[in-house]
N, C-alpha and C. Protein backbone atom coordinates (compact mmCIF):
# COMPACT_ATOMS: atom_id res chain seq x y z
N MET A 1 0.80 -1.20 0.01
CA MET A 1 0.03 0.01 0.02
C MET A 1 0.89 1.26 0.02
N PHE A 2 1.88 1.29 0.86
CA PHE A 2 2.68 2.54 0.93
C PHE A 2 4.07 2.27 0.30
N LYS A 3 4.19 1.39 -0.64
CA LYS A 3 5.45 1.08 -1.30
C LYS A 3 5.98 2.25 -2.16
N ASP A 4 5.10 2.81 -2.94
CA ASP A 4 5.55 3.81 -3.88
C ASP A 4 5.00 5.25 -3.53
N LEU A 5 5.48 5.79 -2.48
CA LEU A 5 5.10 7.14 -2.09
C LEU A 5 6.07 8.09 -2.74
N GLY A 6 5.58 8.75 -3.78
CA GLY A 6 6.42 9.57 -4.64
C GLY A 6 7.04 10.77 -3.91
N VAL A 7 6.36 11.26 -2.88
CA VAL A 7 6.85 12.45 -2.24
C VAL A 7 8.17 12.10 -1.46
N PHE A 8 8.24 10.88 -0.92
CA PHE A 8 9.48 10.48 -0.24
C PHE A 8 10.59 10.26 -1.22
N GLN A 9 10.32 9.67 -2.38
CA GLN A 9 11.33 9.45 -3.38
C GLN A 9 11.84 10.79 -3.95
N THR A 10 10.96 11.70 -4.16
CA THR A 10 11.41 13.03 -4.64
C THR A 10 12.16 13.76 -3.61
N ALA A 11 11.80 13.74 -2.39
CA ALA A 11 12.57 14.37 -1.32
C ALA A 11 13.95 13.82 -1.18
N MET A 12 14.07 12.44 -1.24
CA MET A 12 15.35 11.86 -1.16
C MET A 12 16.19 12.13 -2.38
N ALA A 13 15.58 12.19 -3.53
CA ALA A 13 16.34 12.54 -4.77
C ALA A 13 16.93 13.98 -4.67
N LEU A 14 16.10 14.92 -4.15
CA LEU A 14 16.53 16.27 -4.00
C LEU A 14 17.67 16.39 -2.97
N ALA A 15 17.58 15.58 -1.88
CA ALA A 15 18.64 15.62 -0.88
C ALA A 15 19.92 15.09 -1.46
N ARG A 16 19.84 14.01 -2.20
CA ARG A 16 21.08 13.41 -2.80
C ARG A 16 21.67 14.34 -3.84
N HIS A 17 20.80 14.99 -4.66
CA HIS A 17 21.27 16.00 -5.67
C HIS A 17 21.98 17.15 -4.97
N SER A 18 21.34 17.65 -3.91
CA SER A 18 21.93 18.80 -3.20
C SER A 18 23.29 18.40 -2.53
N GLY A 19 23.35 17.19 -2.00
CA GLY A 19 24.63 16.69 -1.43
C GLY A 19 25.70 16.65 -2.45
N LEU A 20 25.40 16.14 -3.63
CA LEU A 20 26.43 16.07 -4.72
C LEU A 20 26.84 17.52 -5.13
N ARG A 21 25.90 18.39 -5.22
CA ARG A 21 26.16 19.74 -5.61
C ARG A 21 27.08 20.45 -4.61
N GLN A 22 26.78 20.18 -3.34
CA GLN A 22 27.57 20.73 -2.23
C GLN A 22 29.05 20.18 -2.31
N ALA A 23 29.15 18.90 -2.58
CA ALA A 23 30.48 18.29 -2.63
C ALA A 23 31.28 18.90 -3.84
N LEU A 24 30.58 19.06 -4.94
CA LEU A 24 31.28 19.67 -6.13
C LEU A 24 31.75 21.14 -5.83
N THR A 25 30.86 21.86 -5.15
CA THR A 25 31.19 23.24 -4.76
C THR A 25 32.41 23.23 -3.84
N ALA A 26 32.44 22.33 -2.85
CA ALA A 26 33.65 22.28 -1.95
C ALA A 26 34.89 21.91 -2.71
N GLN A 27 34.80 21.02 -3.70
CA GLN A 27 35.98 20.60 -4.50
C GLN A 27 36.41 21.79 -5.38
N ASN A 28 35.44 22.53 -5.92
CA ASN A 28 35.82 23.74 -6.73
C ASN A 28 36.48 24.75 -5.83
N ILE A 29 35.99 25.01 -4.64
CA ILE A 29 36.64 26.04 -3.75
C ILE A 29 37.99 25.57 -3.31
N ALA A 30 38.16 24.28 -3.05
CA ALA A 30 39.43 23.77 -2.69
C ALA A 30 40.50 23.91 -3.76
N ASN A 31 40.04 23.91 -5.01
CA ASN A 31 40.98 24.02 -6.13
C ASN A 31 40.95 25.45 -6.83
N ALA A 32 40.51 26.42 -6.02
CA ALA A 32 40.41 27.78 -6.56
C ALA A 32 41.74 28.35 -7.09
N ASP A 33 42.87 27.92 -6.50
CA ASP A 33 44.20 28.42 -6.88
C ASP A 33 45.00 27.40 -7.72
N THR A 34 44.38 26.30 -8.07
CA THR A 34 45.10 25.27 -8.84
C THR A 34 45.14 25.73 -10.34
N PRO A 35 46.34 25.87 -10.90
CA PRO A 35 46.36 26.23 -12.31
C PRO A 35 45.77 25.16 -13.19
N GLY A 36 44.96 25.63 -14.11
CA GLY A 36 44.39 24.66 -15.11
C GLY A 36 43.15 23.89 -14.64
N TYR A 37 42.71 24.16 -13.39
CA TYR A 37 41.53 23.49 -12.85
C TYR A 37 40.28 24.07 -13.49
N ARG A 38 39.36 23.16 -13.92
CA ARG A 38 38.09 23.64 -14.47
C ARG A 38 36.97 23.24 -13.48
N ALA A 39 36.18 24.24 -13.19
CA ALA A 39 35.09 24.09 -12.23
C ALA A 39 34.06 23.04 -12.74
N LEU A 40 33.59 22.21 -11.77
CA LEU A 40 32.63 21.18 -12.09
C LEU A 40 31.24 21.64 -11.59
N GLU A 41 30.17 21.18 -12.33
CA GLU A 41 28.82 21.48 -11.93
C GLU A 41 27.90 20.36 -12.45
N ILE A 42 26.71 20.39 -11.91
CA ILE A 42 25.68 19.46 -12.39
C ILE A 42 24.46 20.27 -12.76
N PRO A 43 23.57 19.80 -13.59
CA PRO A 43 22.39 20.57 -13.93
C PRO A 43 21.46 20.74 -12.74
N ASP A 44 20.58 21.67 -12.80
CA ASP A 44 19.62 21.91 -11.75
C ASP A 44 18.71 20.65 -11.51
N PHE A 45 18.25 20.51 -10.34
CA PHE A 45 17.43 19.36 -9.93
C PHE A 45 16.18 19.23 -10.81
N ALA A 46 15.53 20.38 -11.08
CA ALA A 46 14.30 20.36 -11.86
C ALA A 46 14.58 19.79 -13.27
N ASP A 47 15.69 20.21 -13.85
CA ASP A 47 16.02 19.66 -15.22
C ASP A 47 16.33 18.18 -15.15
N THR A 48 17.01 17.73 -14.11
CA THR A 48 17.34 16.32 -13.96
C THR A 48 16.10 15.45 -13.70
N PHE A 49 15.21 15.99 -12.85
CA PHE A 49 14.03 15.26 -12.42
C PHE A 49 13.05 15.03 -13.55
N ARG A 50 12.94 16.06 -14.40
CA ARG A 50 11.93 16.01 -15.48
C ARG A 50 12.35 15.25 -16.71
N ARG A 51 13.55 14.72 -16.72
CA ARG A 51 14.06 14.02 -17.86
C ARG A 51 13.22 12.78 -18.15
N PRO A 52 13.01 12.45 -19.40
CA PRO A 52 12.19 11.24 -19.68
C PRO A 52 12.81 9.94 -19.18
N SER A 53 14.08 9.95 -19.02
CA SER A 53 14.77 8.75 -18.58
C SER A 53 14.95 8.64 -17.11
N ALA A 54 14.17 9.43 -16.35
CA ALA A 54 14.37 9.52 -14.91
C ALA A 54 14.04 8.20 -14.24
N ASP A 55 13.15 7.36 -14.79
CA ASP A 55 12.80 6.08 -14.19
C ASP A 55 13.78 4.98 -14.53
N GLN A 56 14.68 5.26 -15.45
CA GLN A 56 15.68 4.24 -15.82
C GLN A 56 16.92 4.41 -14.99
N ARG A 57 17.68 3.36 -14.87
CA ARG A 57 18.94 3.37 -14.13
C ARG A 57 20.05 2.91 -14.97
N ALA A 58 21.21 3.49 -14.84
CA ALA A 58 22.41 3.09 -15.51
C ALA A 58 22.89 1.74 -15.00
N THR A 59 23.30 0.88 -15.97
CA THR A 59 23.87 -0.39 -15.54
C THR A 59 25.37 -0.41 -15.64
N ARG A 60 25.94 0.55 -16.26
CA ARG A 60 27.39 0.68 -16.38
C ARG A 60 27.74 2.18 -16.52
N GLU A 61 28.99 2.50 -16.30
CA GLU A 61 29.39 3.87 -16.36
C GLU A 61 29.09 4.48 -17.80
N ARG A 62 28.64 5.70 -17.80
CA ARG A 62 28.28 6.48 -18.98
C ARG A 62 27.08 5.92 -19.75
N HIS A 63 26.32 5.04 -19.10
CA HIS A 63 25.08 4.53 -19.75
C HIS A 63 23.94 5.54 -19.43
N LEU A 64 22.97 5.63 -20.36
CA LEU A 64 21.82 6.54 -20.17
C LEU A 64 22.22 7.97 -20.02
N ASN A 65 22.87 8.52 -20.98
CA ASN A 65 23.18 9.94 -21.06
C ASN A 65 23.89 10.52 -19.88
N GLY A 66 24.80 9.72 -19.31
CA GLY A 66 25.58 10.27 -18.22
C GLY A 66 25.04 10.16 -16.84
N LEU A 67 23.88 9.48 -16.68
CA LEU A 67 23.39 9.27 -15.34
C LEU A 67 24.19 8.17 -14.62
N ARG A 68 24.49 8.42 -13.36
CA ARG A 68 25.19 7.43 -12.59
C ARG A 68 24.24 6.38 -12.02
N GLU A 69 24.75 5.34 -11.39
CA GLU A 69 23.89 4.31 -10.82
C GLU A 69 22.91 4.84 -9.78
N ASP A 70 23.29 5.87 -9.08
CA ASP A 70 22.40 6.43 -8.08
C ASP A 70 21.35 7.40 -8.69
N GLY A 71 21.36 7.50 -10.03
CA GLY A 71 20.39 8.40 -10.71
C GLY A 71 20.77 9.84 -10.78
N LEU A 72 21.93 10.19 -10.25
CA LEU A 72 22.39 11.61 -10.32
C LEU A 72 23.13 11.82 -11.59
N PRO A 73 23.09 13.06 -12.07
CA PRO A 73 23.85 13.32 -13.32
C PRO A 73 25.31 13.37 -13.15
N GLU A 74 26.06 13.13 -14.16
CA GLU A 74 27.51 13.19 -14.14
C GLU A 74 27.92 14.69 -14.11
N PRO A 75 28.91 15.01 -13.28
CA PRO A 75 29.42 16.41 -13.29
C PRO A 75 30.07 16.78 -14.66
N THR A 76 29.85 18.00 -15.05
CA THR A 76 30.45 18.49 -16.29
C THR A 76 31.27 19.70 -15.99
N PHE A 77 32.14 20.14 -16.91
CA PHE A 77 32.95 21.28 -16.71
C PHE A 77 32.09 22.54 -16.97
N ARG A 78 32.21 23.52 -16.05
CA ARG A 78 31.48 24.81 -16.25
C ARG A 78 32.11 25.56 -17.38
N ARG A 79 31.31 26.16 -18.20
CA ARG A 79 31.80 26.91 -19.34
C ARG A 79 31.67 28.41 -19.02
N ASN A 80 32.67 28.90 -18.32
CA ASN A 80 32.72 30.39 -18.07
C ASN A 80 34.16 30.85 -18.30
N SER A 81 34.32 32.12 -17.90
CA SER A 81 35.63 32.69 -18.15
C SER A 81 36.76 31.99 -17.39
N VAL A 82 37.92 31.99 -17.97
CA VAL A 82 39.07 31.30 -17.42
C VAL A 82 40.12 32.37 -17.07
N ASP A 83 40.74 32.21 -15.95
CA ASP A 83 41.81 33.10 -15.55
C ASP A 83 43.01 32.86 -16.42
N PRO A 84 44.01 33.78 -16.34
CA PRO A 84 45.20 33.59 -17.20
C PRO A 84 45.96 32.31 -16.86
N ASN A 85 45.84 31.77 -15.61
CA ASN A 85 46.51 30.51 -15.27
C ASN A 85 45.70 29.29 -15.66
N GLY A 86 44.55 29.46 -16.33
CA GLY A 86 43.71 28.37 -16.78
C GLY A 86 42.69 27.96 -15.78
N ASN A 87 42.58 28.55 -14.66
CA ASN A 87 41.61 28.19 -13.59
C ASN A 87 40.25 28.82 -13.94
N ALA A 88 39.20 28.08 -13.74
CA ALA A 88 37.81 28.51 -14.11
C ALA A 88 36.95 28.57 -12.88
N VAL A 89 37.47 28.76 -11.72
CA VAL A 89 36.71 28.80 -10.48
C VAL A 89 36.47 30.28 -10.07
N SER A 90 35.23 30.63 -9.86
CA SER A 90 34.85 31.92 -9.34
C SER A 90 34.34 31.68 -7.96
N LEU A 91 35.00 32.26 -6.98
CA LEU A 91 34.60 32.01 -5.57
C LEU A 91 33.19 32.60 -5.27
N GLU A 92 32.88 33.73 -5.92
CA GLU A 92 31.52 34.27 -5.71
C GLU A 92 30.47 33.34 -6.21
N ASP A 93 30.66 32.75 -7.41
CA ASP A 93 29.71 31.79 -7.93
C ASP A 93 29.61 30.54 -7.04
N GLU A 94 30.75 30.09 -6.55
CA GLU A 94 30.76 28.89 -5.68
C GLU A 94 30.02 29.16 -4.35
N MET A 95 30.19 30.36 -3.81
CA MET A 95 29.49 30.66 -2.52
C MET A 95 28.00 30.69 -2.74
N VAL A 96 27.52 31.25 -3.89
CA VAL A 96 26.11 31.26 -4.21
C VAL A 96 25.60 29.82 -4.37
N ALA A 97 26.34 28.99 -5.07
CA ALA A 97 26.00 27.57 -5.29
C ALA A 97 25.92 26.83 -3.95
N ALA A 98 26.86 27.10 -3.10
CA ALA A 98 26.84 26.43 -1.80
C ALA A 98 25.59 26.77 -0.96
N VAL A 99 25.20 28.03 -0.94
CA VAL A 99 24.03 28.46 -0.19
C VAL A 99 22.83 27.83 -0.82
N GLU A 100 22.75 27.86 -2.17
CA GLU A 100 21.57 27.29 -2.84
C GLU A 100 21.46 25.80 -2.58
N ALA A 101 22.56 25.08 -2.56
CA ALA A 101 22.55 23.63 -2.28
C ALA A 101 22.15 23.34 -0.84
N SER A 102 22.62 24.19 0.06
CA SER A 102 22.20 24.06 1.47
C SER A 102 20.74 24.25 1.63
N ARG A 103 20.17 25.26 1.00
CA ARG A 103 18.77 25.63 1.13
C ARG A 103 17.91 24.45 0.52
N LYS A 104 18.32 23.95 -0.64
CA LYS A 104 17.58 22.83 -1.24
C LYS A 104 17.64 21.56 -0.41
N HIS A 105 18.76 21.30 0.23
CA HIS A 105 18.93 20.15 1.10
C HIS A 105 17.98 20.31 2.32
N GLY A 106 17.97 21.48 2.88
CA GLY A 106 17.00 21.73 4.01
C GLY A 106 15.62 21.62 3.60
N ARG A 107 15.23 22.09 2.43
CA ARG A 107 13.90 21.96 1.91
C ARG A 107 13.51 20.48 1.74
N ALA A 108 14.42 19.74 1.24
CA ALA A 108 14.15 18.28 1.02
C ALA A 108 13.89 17.57 2.35
N LEU A 109 14.68 17.89 3.34
CA LEU A 109 14.50 17.30 4.67
C LEU A 109 13.19 17.77 5.33
N SER A 110 12.84 19.02 5.10
CA SER A 110 11.52 19.50 5.67
C SER A 110 10.36 18.82 5.01
N VAL A 111 10.42 18.65 3.65
CA VAL A 111 9.32 17.94 2.99
C VAL A 111 9.26 16.49 3.47
N TYR A 112 10.39 15.85 3.65
CA TYR A 112 10.42 14.51 4.14
C TYR A 112 9.79 14.39 5.56
N ARG A 113 10.22 15.27 6.46
CA ARG A 113 9.70 15.25 7.80
C ARG A 113 8.19 15.51 7.81
N SER A 114 7.71 16.52 7.05
CA SER A 114 6.32 16.86 7.01
C SER A 114 5.49 15.72 6.50
N SER A 115 5.97 15.09 5.43
CA SER A 115 5.25 13.96 4.85
C SER A 115 5.20 12.81 5.81
N LEU A 116 6.29 12.54 6.54
CA LEU A 116 6.28 11.51 7.54
C LEU A 116 5.31 11.81 8.68
N ASN A 117 5.22 13.06 9.09
CA ASN A 117 4.26 13.37 10.15
C ASN A 117 2.80 13.23 9.67
N ILE A 118 2.54 13.57 8.35
CA ILE A 118 1.18 13.35 7.80
C ILE A 118 0.86 11.87 7.71
N LEU A 119 1.87 11.05 7.36
CA LEU A 119 1.65 9.63 7.26
C LEU A 119 1.42 9.05 8.62
N ARG A 120 2.15 9.47 9.57
CA ARG A 120 1.88 8.98 10.96
C ARG A 120 0.56 9.38 11.52
N ALA A 121 0.14 10.60 11.20
CA ALA A 121 -1.19 11.08 11.69
C ALA A 121 -2.31 10.31 10.97
N SER A 122 -2.13 9.97 9.75
CA SER A 122 -3.12 9.23 9.01
C SER A 122 -3.27 7.80 9.54
N LEU A 123 -2.19 7.28 10.09
CA LEU A 123 -2.16 5.91 10.65
C LEU A 123 -2.52 6.00 12.18
N ALA A 124 -2.74 7.18 12.70
CA ALA A 124 -3.08 7.41 14.13
C ALA A 124 -2.00 6.93 15.06
N ARG A 125 -0.73 7.23 14.78
CA ARG A 125 0.36 6.80 15.63
C ARG A 125 1.08 7.97 16.10
């Protein structure tokens, strides 16, 4: 009866997506002074979630248009201006991305908690 509750799956997918985005932001900030380093990013969650292949899972690396086994997109290089030393990290952009990822992760956990409370109330527990 409660096997396929989409709200829980969506909340968990958003939390995993936000976690990956936060990890990429931290990696980009850590390499802000590395010559030749190209900043990594992933598409927005809404773009990833609405893909027609969202129900399919990759069975090997690079299968299904770059989706990984966990359903998250593969990181790609950001296409923006490059410093003279070849570095493409903008600390301002990374700080904005970190705050956005944190907010989305918090939103996902709030949706999960609220849905769990509604489910508990409906079961009278």
